[in-house]
Amino acid sequence: MMEAPQYVAARVQRALAEDSRTHELGIRVDVRGDQMFLRGQVSGEEHRQRLAAVAQEVAPNLKVHNEIKVVEVTRPGEDEHLD
């Protein structure tokens, strides 16, 4: 019997939060059929790739679509402008 998509997504999100390689809480995980979509923002490409790797380990039977965006982190002292 296949696991319900919301349970797979929850398991992957928990792994992304708890795995020592990622420690990431802000990633949305959506599972549709045999596809898994990762969405959110991180500060570096390496971190983005690690998130996809951990997700793939947790749900190896799903195709991972890494839609996580890499954003520039402002240096301390720069003004942050919110739109």
Protein backbone atom coordinates (compact mmCIF):
# COMPACT_ATOMS: atom_id res chain seq x y z
CA MET A 1 0.00 0.00 0.00
CA MET A 2 1.30 3.44 -0.92
CA GLU A 3 1.81 6.03 1.78
CA ALA A 4 -0.49 9.08 1.54
CA PRO A 5 1.25 12.07 -0.12
CA GLN A 6 0.81 14.33 2.90
CA TYR A 7 2.61 11.78 5.11
CA VAL A 8 5.51 11.52 2.67
CA ALA A 9 5.73 15.34 2.52
CA ALA A 10 5.66 15.60 6.32
CA ARG A 11 8.38 12.95 6.65
CA VAL A 12 10.60 14.79 4.14
CA GLN A 13 10.02 18.15 5.86
CA ARG A 14 10.94 16.60 9.22
CA ALA A 15 14.11 15.13 7.70
CA LEU A 16 15.10 18.51 6.20
CA ALA A 17 14.66 20.09 9.64
CA GLU A 18 16.46 17.38 11.61
CA ASP A 19 19.26 16.23 9.28
CA SER A 20 22.62 17.67 10.36
CA ARG A 21 23.44 18.50 6.72
CA THR A 22 20.44 20.75 6.25
CA HIS A 23 18.68 21.98 9.45
CA GLU A 24 16.13 23.76 7.27
CA LEU A 25 12.63 24.65 8.43
CA GLY A 26 11.51 26.96 5.64
CA ILE A 27 11.13 24.52 2.74
CA ARG A 28 7.68 23.54 1.46
CA VAL A 29 7.36 19.96 0.25
CA ASP A 30 4.52 18.99 -2.08
CA VAL A 31 4.00 15.42 -3.24
CA ARG A 32 1.84 14.67 -6.28
CA GLY A 33 1.82 11.12 -7.54
CA ASP A 34 5.46 10.12 -8.03
CA GLN A 35 6.67 13.73 -8.09
CA MET A 36 8.02 15.74 -5.14
CA PHE A 37 8.38 19.52 -5.34
CA LEU A 38 10.71 21.45 -3.02
CA ARG A 39 10.00 25.17 -2.74
CA GLY A 40 11.45 27.93 -0.65
CA GLN A 41 14.54 30.09 -0.40
CA VAL A 42 18.06 29.40 0.83
CA SER A 43 21.26 31.43 0.89
CA GLY A 44 23.50 29.17 -1.22
CA GLU A 45 23.54 26.69 -4.09
CA GLU A 46 25.39 24.07 -2.03
CA HIS A 47 22.66 24.16 0.63
CA ARG A 48 20.01 23.93 -2.10
CA GLN A 49 21.67 20.78 -3.47
CA ARG A 50 21.99 19.20 0.01
CA LEU A 51 18.25 19.72 0.58
CA ALA A 52 17.43 17.88 -2.64
CA ALA A 53 19.83 15.05 -1.72
CA VAL A 54 18.26 14.57 1.72
CA ALA A 55 14.75 14.65 0.23
CA GLN A 56 15.76 12.01 -2.34
CA GLU A 57 17.19 9.77 0.39
CA VAL A 58 13.96 9.98 2.41
CA ALA A 59 11.72 9.28 -0.61
CA PRO A 60 13.90 7.47 -3.17
CA ASN A 61 10.93 6.37 -5.29
CA LEU A 62 9.90 9.97 -6.06
CA LYS A 63 11.27 12.30 -8.73
CA VAL A 64 12.52 15.44 -6.97
CA HIS A 65 11.86 18.82 -8.57
CA ASN A 66 14.15 21.26 -6.78
CA GLU A 67 12.40 24.62 -7.14
CA ILE A 68 14.24 26.16 -4.19
CA LYS A 69 15.55 29.64 -5.01
CA VAL A 70 18.98 30.86 -3.96
CA VAL A 71 18.77 34.40 -2.60
CA GLU A 72 21.47 36.94 -1.85
CA VAL A 73 22.03 37.46 1.83
CA THR A 74 22.64 41.10 2.70
CA ARG A 75 25.74 41.80 4.70
CA PRO A 76 25.38 43.26 8.19
CA GLY A 77 25.20 47.00 7.99
CA GLU A 78 23.26 47.10 4.73
CA ASP A 79 19.75 48.45 4.90
CA GLU A 80 17.07 45.88 4.30
CA HIS A 81 14.30 47.12 2.01
CA LEU A 82 10.95 45.40 2.24
CA ASP A 83 8.58 45.86 -0.69
